[in-house]
Amino acid sequence: MTLQNETIKLRALEPEDINTLFDLENDELWWKYANRVQPYSKDLLKEYLAQAHKDIFETRQLRFTMVNAQDQAVGFVDLFDFEPLHHRAGVGLIVSKENQRKGYGSAALELLGDYAKTHLQLHQLYVHIAEENQISIRLFEKHGFVFAGSKKDWNFYEGAYHNESIYQKLI
């Protein structure tokens, strides 16, 4: 099964994910990495959840809920900027604070890579990571993502410019 391993299961977004999604999307700590400066309303997120069933070939994105062995949502992983012509997509991943360092992100990346290759025939995944986000860099490098370049002074937050690194993985 490509969407489950011994640590985690990836499943489609469900209406009951609204509170977890609301909490993670509205945590200001993550906004700097998501190029955001304002919260999302529950109504907007409900609309998003209502549209989540649409096909990746239509929306160019696909988000999964990460569910642990106790069937609790612990985070989300997604493919975005899906480009079927060139067989590539970007990767996004977020794990709730209380569920970090439990192997969920690592397990989700394994499953996502297998899914992308098997079901979407992707050849490449990529991720953009702030250079100071060493935890994310180590996670993606552990899963075969290789540094491909740096965008200097790419993002501005916390009163300063920050470089953003690009990592790629051929699958």
N, C-alpha and C. Protein backbone atom coordinates (compact mmCIF):
# COMPACT_ATOMS: atom_id res chain seq x y z
N MET A 1 0.84 -1.18 0.00
CA MET A 1 0.00 0.00 0.00
C MET A 1 0.89 1.24 0.00
N THR A 2 0.65 2.17 -0.91
CA THR A 2 1.53 3.32 -1.03
C THR A 2 1.21 4.45 -0.06
N LEU A 3 0.07 4.40 0.62
CA LEU A 3 -0.28 5.52 1.50
C LEU A 3 -0.28 5.16 2.98
N GLN A 4 0.38 4.05 3.33
CA GLN A 4 0.44 3.67 4.74
C GLN A 4 1.70 2.87 5.00
N ASN A 5 2.30 3.13 6.15
CA ASN A 5 3.42 2.32 6.62
C ASN A 5 3.22 2.07 8.11
N GLU A 6 4.22 1.56 8.78
CA GLU A 6 4.08 1.21 10.20
C GLU A 6 3.95 2.43 11.10
N THR A 7 4.30 3.60 10.62
CA THR A 7 4.29 4.81 11.45
C THR A 7 3.07 5.69 11.21
N ILE A 8 2.65 5.78 9.95
CA ILE A 8 1.64 6.79 9.60
C ILE A 8 0.82 6.35 8.40
N LYS A 9 -0.33 6.96 8.30
CA LYS A 9 -1.19 6.77 7.13
C LYS A 9 -1.47 8.15 6.53
N LEU A 10 -1.44 8.23 5.22
CA LEU A 10 -1.85 9.45 4.53
C LEU A 10 -3.25 9.21 3.98
N ARG A 11 -4.14 10.13 4.28
CA ARG A 11 -5.50 10.00 3.78
C ARG A 11 -5.98 11.34 3.23
N ALA A 12 -7.07 11.28 2.51
CA ALA A 12 -7.67 12.50 1.98
C ALA A 12 -8.13 13.40 3.12
N LEU A 13 -8.17 14.69 2.85
CA LEU A 13 -8.70 15.64 3.82
C LEU A 13 -10.17 15.34 4.09
N GLU A 14 -10.56 15.46 5.34
CA GLU A 14 -11.93 15.23 5.77
C GLU A 14 -12.42 16.45 6.55
N PRO A 15 -13.74 16.64 6.62
CA PRO A 15 -14.27 17.79 7.38
C PRO A 15 -13.77 17.84 8.83
N GLU A 16 -13.53 16.68 9.45
CA GLU A 16 -13.07 16.69 10.84
C GLU A 16 -11.64 17.20 10.99
N ASP A 17 -10.95 17.44 9.89
CA ASP A 17 -9.60 17.99 9.95
C ASP A 17 -9.59 19.51 10.15
N ILE A 18 -10.76 20.12 10.17
CA ILE A 18 -10.86 21.58 10.19
C ILE A 18 -10.09 22.19 11.37
N ASN A 19 -10.20 21.63 12.56
CA ASN A 19 -9.55 22.24 13.72
C ASN A 19 -8.03 22.12 13.65
N THR A 20 -7.53 20.97 13.22
CA THR A 20 -6.08 20.80 13.07
C THR A 20 -5.56 21.73 11.99
N LEU A 21 -6.27 21.79 10.86
CA LEU A 21 -5.88 22.68 9.76
C LEU A 21 -5.91 24.14 10.21
N PHE A 22 -6.95 24.52 10.91
CA PHE A 22 -7.10 25.88 11.41
C PHE A 22 -5.94 26.25 12.34
N ASP A 23 -5.62 25.35 13.27
CA ASP A 23 -4.55 25.62 14.22
C ASP A 23 -3.19 25.75 13.53
N LEU A 24 -2.89 24.84 12.61
CA LEU A 24 -1.58 24.88 11.94
C LEU A 24 -1.47 26.06 10.98
N GLU A 25 -2.49 26.31 10.20
CA GLU A 25 -2.44 27.41 9.23
C GLU A 25 -2.42 28.78 9.91
N ASN A 26 -2.92 28.85 11.12
CA ASN A 26 -2.99 30.14 11.81
C ASN A 26 -1.93 30.32 12.89
N ASP A 27 -0.97 29.41 12.94
CA ASP A 27 0.15 29.55 13.86
C ASP A 27 1.16 30.50 13.23
N GLU A 28 1.30 31.68 13.79
CA GLU A 28 2.17 32.71 13.22
C GLU A 28 3.61 32.27 13.06
N LEU A 29 4.04 31.30 13.83
CA LEU A 29 5.40 30.78 13.72
C LEU A 29 5.70 30.29 12.29
N TRP A 30 4.71 29.73 11.62
CA TRP A 30 4.91 29.14 10.29
C TRP A 30 4.67 30.13 9.15
N TRP A 31 4.06 31.26 9.43
CA TRP A 31 3.71 32.19 8.36
C TRP A 31 4.93 32.62 7.55
N LYS A 32 6.04 32.84 8.20
CA LYS A 32 7.23 33.31 7.48
C LYS A 32 7.67 32.31 6.43
N TYR A 33 7.44 31.03 6.67
CA TYR A 33 7.84 30.00 5.71
C TYR A 33 6.79 29.79 4.62
N ALA A 34 5.59 30.28 4.86
CA ALA A 34 4.51 30.10 3.90
C ALA A 34 4.18 31.39 3.15
N ASN A 35 5.01 32.42 3.34
CA ASN A 35 4.80 33.71 2.69
C ASN A 35 3.40 34.26 2.97
N ARG A 36 3.05 34.24 4.23
CA ARG A 36 1.74 34.73 4.65
C ARG A 36 1.90 35.76 5.77
N VAL A 37 0.90 36.64 5.89
CA VAL A 37 0.94 37.64 6.96
C VAL A 37 -0.41 37.78 7.66
N GLN A 38 -1.33 36.88 7.37
CA GLN A 38 -2.64 36.97 8.01
C GLN A 38 -3.25 35.59 8.18
N PRO A 39 -4.16 35.46 9.14
CA PRO A 39 -4.77 34.15 9.39
C PRO A 39 -5.84 33.81 8.35
N TYR A 40 -6.18 32.52 8.32
CA TYR A 40 -7.30 32.05 7.52
C TYR A 40 -8.51 31.88 8.44
N SER A 41 -9.69 32.20 7.95
CA SER A 41 -10.91 31.99 8.72
C SER A 41 -11.33 30.53 8.60
N LYS A 42 -12.13 30.08 9.56
CA LYS A 42 -12.66 28.71 9.48
C LYS A 42 -13.56 28.56 8.26
N ASP A 43 -14.30 29.60 7.93
CA ASP A 43 -15.17 29.52 6.74
C ASP A 43 -14.35 29.29 5.48
N LEU A 44 -13.24 30.01 5.33
CA LEU A 44 -12.38 29.83 4.16
C LEU A 44 -11.80 28.42 4.13
N LEU A 45 -11.37 27.92 5.28
CA LEU A 45 -10.81 26.57 5.35
C LEU A 45 -11.89 25.52 5.08
N LYS A 46 -13.11 25.77 5.50
CA LYS A 46 -14.21 24.84 5.19
C LYS A 46 -14.44 24.78 3.69
N GLU A 47 -14.37 25.93 3.03
CA GLU A 47 -14.49 25.96 1.57
C GLU A 47 -13.36 25.17 0.92
N TYR A 48 -12.15 25.36 1.45
CA TYR A 48 -10.99 24.62 0.94
C TYR A 48 -11.22 23.12 1.09
N LEU A 49 -11.67 22.69 2.27
CA LEU A 49 -11.93 21.27 2.50
C LEU A 49 -13.02 20.74 1.56
N ALA A 50 -14.01 21.57 1.28
CA ALA A 50 -15.09 21.15 0.39
C ALA A 50 -14.60 20.95 -1.04
N GLN A 51 -13.51 21.62 -1.41
CA GLN A 51 -12.96 21.50 -2.76
C GLN A 51 -11.81 20.50 -2.84
N ALA A 52 -11.41 19.95 -1.70
CA ALA A 52 -10.21 19.09 -1.65
C ALA A 52 -10.36 17.80 -2.44
N HIS A 53 -11.57 17.43 -2.80
CA HIS A 53 -11.79 16.19 -3.56
C HIS A 53 -11.42 16.33 -5.03
N LYS A 54 -11.19 17.55 -5.48
CA LYS A 54 -10.90 17.76 -6.90
C LYS A 54 -9.59 17.09 -7.30
N ASP A 55 -9.51 16.72 -8.54
CA ASP A 55 -8.38 15.98 -9.09
C ASP A 55 -7.12 16.85 -9.17
N ILE A 56 -5.97 16.26 -8.89
CA ILE A 56 -4.70 16.96 -8.95
C ILE A 56 -4.42 17.52 -10.34
N PHE A 57 -4.94 16.87 -11.37
CA PHE A 57 -4.72 17.36 -12.73
C PHE A 57 -5.51 18.64 -13.00
N GLU A 58 -6.54 18.87 -12.20
CA GLU A 58 -7.33 20.10 -12.32
C GLU A 58 -6.77 21.22 -11.44
N THR A 59 -6.45 20.88 -10.20
CA THR A 59 -6.05 21.90 -9.23
C THR A 59 -4.55 22.13 -9.15
N ARG A 60 -3.77 21.17 -9.66
CA ARG A 60 -2.30 21.21 -9.63
C ARG A 60 -1.74 21.09 -8.22
N GLN A 61 -2.59 20.61 -7.28
CA GLN A 61 -2.13 20.38 -5.93
C GLN A 61 -2.92 19.24 -5.30
N LEU A 62 -2.32 18.62 -4.28
CA LEU A 62 -2.95 17.52 -3.58
C LEU A 62 -2.42 17.50 -2.16
N ARG A 63 -3.31 17.57 -1.20
CA ARG A 63 -2.89 17.57 0.21
C ARG A 63 -3.44 16.32 0.88
N PHE A 64 -2.59 15.73 1.71
CA PHE A 64 -2.97 14.58 2.51
C PHE A 64 -2.91 14.94 3.99
N THR A 65 -3.79 14.34 4.77
CA THR A 65 -3.72 14.42 6.22
C THR A 65 -2.83 13.28 6.70
N MET A 66 -1.91 13.59 7.58
CA MET A 66 -1.05 12.59 8.19
C MET A 66 -1.75 12.10 9.46
N VAL A 67 -2.00 10.79 9.54
CA VAL A 67 -2.74 10.21 10.66
C VAL A 67 -1.88 9.17 11.35
N ASN A 68 -1.78 9.25 12.68
CA ASN A 68 -0.95 8.30 13.43
C ASN A 68 -1.73 7.01 13.72
N ALA A 69 -1.11 6.11 14.45
CA ALA A 69 -1.71 4.80 14.75
C ALA A 69 -2.99 4.93 15.58
N GLN A 70 -3.13 6.03 16.30
CA GLN A 70 -4.35 6.26 17.10
C GLN A 70 -5.42 6.98 16.28
N ASP A 71 -5.22 7.08 14.97
CA ASP A 71 -6.15 7.72 14.03
C ASP A 71 -6.33 9.22 14.33
N GLN A 72 -5.26 9.85 14.84
CA GLN A 72 -5.29 11.28 15.10
C GLN A 72 -4.52 12.01 14.00
N ALA A 73 -5.08 13.12 13.53
CA ALA A 73 -4.39 13.95 12.55
C ALA A 73 -3.21 14.62 13.24
N VAL A 74 -2.00 14.44 12.67
CA VAL A 74 -0.79 15.00 13.28
C VAL A 74 -0.12 16.03 12.38
N GLY A 75 -0.62 16.20 11.16
CA GLY A 75 -0.04 17.16 10.24
C GLY A 75 -0.55 16.95 8.84
N PHE A 76 0.09 17.64 7.91
CA PHE A 76 -0.32 17.59 6.51
C PHE A 76 0.91 17.55 5.62
N VAL A 77 0.78 16.89 4.49
CA VAL A 77 1.83 16.86 3.49
C VAL A 77 1.15 17.07 2.14
N ASP A 78 1.78 17.85 1.29
CA ASP A 78 1.13 18.12 0.02
C ASP A 78 2.09 18.20 -1.14
N LEU A 79 1.52 17.97 -2.30
CA LEU A 79 2.18 18.23 -3.57
C LEU A 79 1.56 19.49 -4.13
N PHE A 80 2.37 20.40 -4.63
CA PHE A 80 1.87 21.64 -5.22
C PHE A 80 2.66 21.94 -6.48
N ASP A 81 2.20 22.88 -7.24
CA ASP A 81 2.83 23.21 -8.53
C ASP A 81 3.06 21.94 -9.34
N PHE A 82 2.09 21.05 -9.27
CA PHE A 82 2.14 19.79 -10.02
C PHE A 82 2.25 20.10 -11.50
N GLU A 83 3.27 19.57 -12.13
CA GLU A 83 3.52 19.80 -13.55
C GLU A 83 3.62 18.45 -14.26
N PRO A 84 2.47 17.92 -14.74
CA PRO A 84 2.49 16.59 -15.35
C PRO A 84 3.32 16.51 -16.63
N LEU A 85 3.41 17.58 -17.39
CA LEU A 85 4.20 17.57 -18.61
C LEU A 85 5.67 17.28 -18.32
N HIS A 86 6.17 17.87 -17.24
CA HIS A 86 7.58 17.71 -16.90
C HIS A 86 7.81 16.72 -15.75
N HIS A 87 6.73 16.11 -15.28
CA HIS A 87 6.80 15.05 -14.27
C HIS A 87 7.46 15.51 -12.97
N ARG A 88 6.98 16.66 -12.44
CA ARG A 88 7.55 17.17 -11.19
C ARG A 88 6.47 17.86 -10.35
N ALA A 89 6.79 18.03 -9.07
CA ALA A 89 5.91 18.75 -8.15
C ALA A 89 6.71 19.22 -6.95
N GLY A 90 6.22 20.28 -6.33
CA GLY A 90 6.79 20.76 -5.08
C GLY A 90 6.19 19.99 -3.92
N VAL A 91 6.89 20.00 -2.80
CA VAL A 91 6.45 19.31 -1.59
C VAL A 91 6.32 20.30 -0.46
N GLY A 92 5.25 20.18 0.29
CA GLY A 92 5.05 20.93 1.51
C GLY A 92 4.75 19.97 2.64
N LEU A 93 5.22 20.27 3.83
CA LEU A 93 5.02 19.37 4.96
C LEU A 93 4.95 20.18 6.24
N ILE A 94 3.97 19.87 7.07
CA ILE A 94 3.88 20.51 8.39
C ILE A 94 3.36 19.49 9.38
N VAL A 95 4.01 19.43 10.52
CA VAL A 95 3.62 18.54 11.61
C VAL A 95 3.33 19.42 12.82
N SER A 96 2.23 19.14 13.51
CA SER A 96 1.89 19.94 14.69
C SER A 96 3.02 19.87 15.72
N LYS A 97 3.18 20.95 16.48
CA LYS A 97 4.30 21.06 17.42
C LYS A 97 4.38 19.86 18.37
N GLU A 98 3.24 19.44 18.88
CA GLU A 98 3.24 18.35 19.86
C GLU A 98 3.55 16.99 19.24
N ASN A 99 3.56 16.91 17.91
CA ASN A 99 3.84 15.65 17.23
C ASN A 99 5.16 15.65 16.47
N GLN A 100 5.95 16.69 16.65
CA GLN A 100 7.25 16.74 15.99
C GLN A 100 8.24 15.81 16.69
N ARG A 101 9.24 15.39 15.94
CA ARG A 101 10.32 14.51 16.43
C ARG A 101 9.81 13.13 16.85
N LYS A 102 8.75 12.68 16.17
CA LYS A 102 8.20 11.34 16.41
C LYS A 102 8.29 10.47 15.16
N GLY A 103 8.94 11.00 14.11
CA GLY A 103 9.10 10.23 12.88
C GLY A 103 7.97 10.39 11.88
N TYR A 104 6.98 11.21 12.18
CA TYR A 104 5.84 11.36 11.28
C TYR A 104 6.21 12.04 9.97
N GLY A 105 7.00 13.09 10.04
CA GLY A 105 7.42 13.79 8.82
C GLY A 105 8.24 12.89 7.93
N SER A 106 9.13 12.15 8.52
CA SER A 106 9.98 11.23 7.78
C SER A 106 9.14 10.14 7.10
N ALA A 107 8.23 9.56 7.86
CA ALA A 107 7.36 8.52 7.30
C ALA A 107 6.48 9.08 6.17
N ALA A 108 5.99 10.29 6.35
CA ALA A 108 5.13 10.90 5.32
C ALA A 108 5.91 11.16 4.04
N LEU A 109 7.17 11.60 4.15
CA LEU A 109 7.98 11.83 2.95
C LEU A 109 8.23 10.54 2.18
N GLU A 110 8.45 9.45 2.89
CA GLU A 110 8.63 8.16 2.22
C GLU A 110 7.38 7.79 1.43
N LEU A 111 6.24 7.90 2.09
CA LEU A 111 4.98 7.54 1.44
C LEU A 111 4.67 8.47 0.26
N LEU A 112 4.89 9.75 0.45
CA LEU A 112 4.60 10.71 -0.61
C LEU A 112 5.45 10.45 -1.85
N GLY A 113 6.73 10.16 -1.64
CA GLY A 113 7.61 9.84 -2.77
C GLY A 113 7.15 8.61 -3.52
N ASP A 114 6.78 7.56 -2.79
CA ASP A 114 6.28 6.34 -3.43
C ASP A 114 4.99 6.61 -4.21
N TYR A 115 4.09 7.37 -3.59
CA TYR A 115 2.82 7.70 -4.24
C TYR A 115 3.06 8.52 -5.52
N ALA A 116 3.91 9.53 -5.42
CA ALA A 116 4.18 10.41 -6.56
C ALA A 116 4.76 9.63 -7.74
N LYS A 117 5.63 8.70 -7.45
CA LYS A 117 6.25 7.91 -8.51
C LYS A 117 5.28 6.88 -9.08
N THR A 118 4.61 6.16 -8.21
CA THR A 118 3.73 5.06 -8.62
C THR A 118 2.45 5.54 -9.30
N HIS A 119 1.78 6.52 -8.70
CA HIS A 119 0.45 6.91 -9.18
C HIS A 119 0.45 8.14 -10.09
N LEU A 120 1.46 8.99 -9.96
CA LEU A 120 1.48 10.21 -10.78
C LEU A 120 2.62 10.20 -11.81
N GLN A 121 3.43 9.15 -11.79
CA GLN A 121 4.57 9.01 -12.69
C GLN A 121 5.51 10.21 -12.65
N LEU A 122 5.69 10.76 -11.45
CA LEU A 122 6.60 11.88 -11.31
C LEU A 122 8.04 11.39 -11.33
N HIS A 123 8.89 12.25 -11.83
CA HIS A 123 10.33 11.97 -11.90
C HIS A 123 11.10 12.78 -10.87
N GLN A 124 10.50 13.87 -10.41
CA GLN A 124 11.22 14.80 -9.56
C GLN A 124 10.30 15.46 -8.54
N LEU A 125 10.80 15.60 -7.33
CA LEU A 125 10.15 16.40 -6.30
C LEU A 125 11.12 17.49 -5.87
N TYR A 126 10.59 18.63 -5.46
CA TYR A 126 11.46 19.70 -4.99
C TYR A 126 10.82 20.40 -3.80
N VAL A 127 11.65 21.07 -3.05
CA VAL A 127 11.19 21.80 -1.88
C VAL A 127 12.02 23.07 -1.74
N HIS A 128 11.38 24.11 -1.24
CA HIS A 128 12.04 25.38 -0.94
C HIS A 128 12.09 25.49 0.58
N ILE A 129 13.29 25.70 1.13
CA ILE A 129 13.46 25.73 2.59
C ILE A 129 14.30 26.94 2.97
N ALA A 130 13.84 27.68 3.97
CA ALA A 130 14.65 28.78 4.51
C ALA A 130 15.97 28.21 5.03
N GLU A 131 17.07 28.89 4.71
CA GLU A 131 18.39 28.38 5.09
C GLU A 131 18.53 28.16 6.59
N GLU A 132 17.84 28.95 7.41
CA GLU A 132 17.98 28.78 8.85
C GLU A 132 17.14 27.62 9.39
N ASN A 133 16.30 27.05 8.56
CA ASN A 133 15.44 25.95 9.01
C ASN A 133 16.19 24.62 8.88
N GLN A 134 17.16 24.45 9.75
CA GLN A 134 18.04 23.29 9.69
C GLN A 134 17.33 21.97 9.97
N ILE A 135 16.29 21.99 10.75
CA ILE A 135 15.54 20.75 11.03
C ILE A 135 14.91 20.24 9.73
N SER A 136 14.29 21.13 8.97
CA SER A 136 13.69 20.72 7.69
C SER A 136 14.76 20.29 6.69
N ILE A 137 15.85 21.03 6.66
CA ILE A 137 16.94 20.67 5.73
C ILE A 137 17.44 19.26 6.03
N ARG A 138 17.68 18.95 7.30
CA ARG A 138 18.15 17.60 7.66
C ARG A 138 17.13 16.54 7.29
N LEU A 139 15.86 16.83 7.51
CA LEU A 139 14.80 15.87 7.18
C LEU A 139 14.79 15.55 5.69
N PHE A 140 14.79 16.59 4.86
CA PHE A 140 14.72 16.36 3.42
C PHE A 140 16.01 15.73 2.89
N GLU A 141 17.16 16.14 3.41
CA GLU A 141 18.41 15.51 2.99
C GLU A 141 18.43 14.03 3.35
N LYS A 142 17.90 13.70 4.51
CA LYS A 142 17.82 12.29 4.95
C LYS A 142 17.02 11.46 3.94
N HIS A 143 16.11 12.09 3.25
CA HIS A 143 15.26 11.39 2.29
C HIS A 143 15.70 11.59 0.84
N GLY A 144 16.96 11.94 0.65
CA GLY A 144 17.54 11.97 -0.68
C GLY A 144 17.39 13.27 -1.45
N PHE A 145 16.87 14.30 -0.81
CA PHE A 145 16.80 15.60 -1.48
C PHE A 145 18.19 16.22 -1.45
N VAL A 146 18.59 16.78 -2.58
CA VAL A 146 19.94 17.32 -2.76
C VAL A 146 19.85 18.82 -3.00
N PHE A 147 20.75 19.55 -2.37
CA PHE A 147 20.81 21.01 -2.55
C PHE A 147 21.02 21.33 -4.02
N ALA A 148 20.17 22.21 -4.56
CA ALA A 148 20.25 22.56 -5.98
C ALA A 148 20.56 24.03 -6.20
N GLY A 149 20.45 24.84 -5.17
CA GLY A 149 20.74 26.26 -5.34
C GLY A 149 20.14 27.09 -4.22
N SER A 150 20.52 28.36 -4.23
CA SER A 150 20.06 29.28 -3.20
C SER A 150 19.53 30.55 -3.84
N LYS A 151 18.43 31.03 -3.31
CA LYS A 151 17.88 32.32 -3.73
C LYS A 151 18.24 33.32 -2.64
N LYS A 152 19.13 34.26 -2.95
CA LYS A 152 19.66 35.21 -1.97
C LYS A 152 18.62 36.26 -1.62
N ASP A 153 18.55 36.58 -0.33
CA ASP A 153 17.64 37.61 0.18
C ASP A 153 16.22 37.43 -0.37
N TRP A 154 15.77 36.21 -0.46
CA TRP A 154 14.52 35.89 -1.15
C TRP A 154 13.28 36.29 -0.36
N ASN A 155 13.33 36.10 0.94
CA ASN A 155 12.17 36.41 1.79
C ASN A 155 12.55 37.43 2.86
N PHE A 156 11.58 38.26 3.20
CA PHE A 156 11.79 39.27 4.23
C PHE A 156 10.84 38.99 5.38
N TYR A 157 11.39 38.71 6.53
CA TYR A 157 10.61 38.55 7.75
C TYR A 157 11.51 38.78 8.94
N GLU A 158 10.88 39.06 10.08
CA GLU A 158 11.61 39.34 11.32
C GLU A 158 12.65 40.45 11.13
N GLY A 159 12.31 41.42 10.27
CA GLY A 159 13.17 42.58 10.09
C GLY A 159 14.41 42.37 9.25
N ALA A 160 14.51 41.23 8.56
CA ALA A 160 15.72 40.95 7.78
C ALA A 160 15.38 40.12 6.55
N TYR A 161 16.31 40.14 5.60
CA TYR A 161 16.18 39.28 4.42
C TYR A 161 16.76 37.92 4.72
N HIS A 162 16.15 36.89 4.13
CA HIS A 162 16.59 35.51 4.38
C HIS A 162 16.75 34.78 3.05
N ASN A 163 17.78 33.98 2.98
CA ASN A 163 18.00 33.13 1.80
C ASN A 163 17.08 31.92 1.85
N GLU A 164 16.72 31.46 0.67
CA GLU A 164 15.91 30.27 0.55
C GLU A 164 16.63 29.27 -0.34
N SER A 165 16.72 28.04 0.14
CA SER A 165 17.42 26.98 -0.61
C SER A 165 16.42 26.11 -1.36
N ILE A 166 16.86 25.60 -2.49
CA ILE A 166 16.06 24.68 -3.27
C ILE A 166 16.72 23.30 -3.16
N TYR A 167 15.91 22.31 -2.86
CA TYR A 167 16.36 20.93 -2.79
C TYR A 167 15.52 20.11 -3.77
N GLN A 168 16.17 19.17 -4.46
CA GLN A 168 15.49 18.34 -5.43
C GLN A 168 15.78 16.87 -5.15
N LYS A 169 14.83 16.05 -5.56
CA LYS A 169 15.01 14.60 -5.45
C LYS A 169 14.47 13.97 -6.72
N LEU A 170 15.30 13.18 -7.37
CA LEU A 170 14.84 12.41 -8.52
C LEU A 170 14.30 11.10 -7.97
N ILE A 171 13.09 10.75 -8.40
CA ILE A 171 12.45 9.54 -7.87
C ILE A 171 12.22 8.51 -8.97
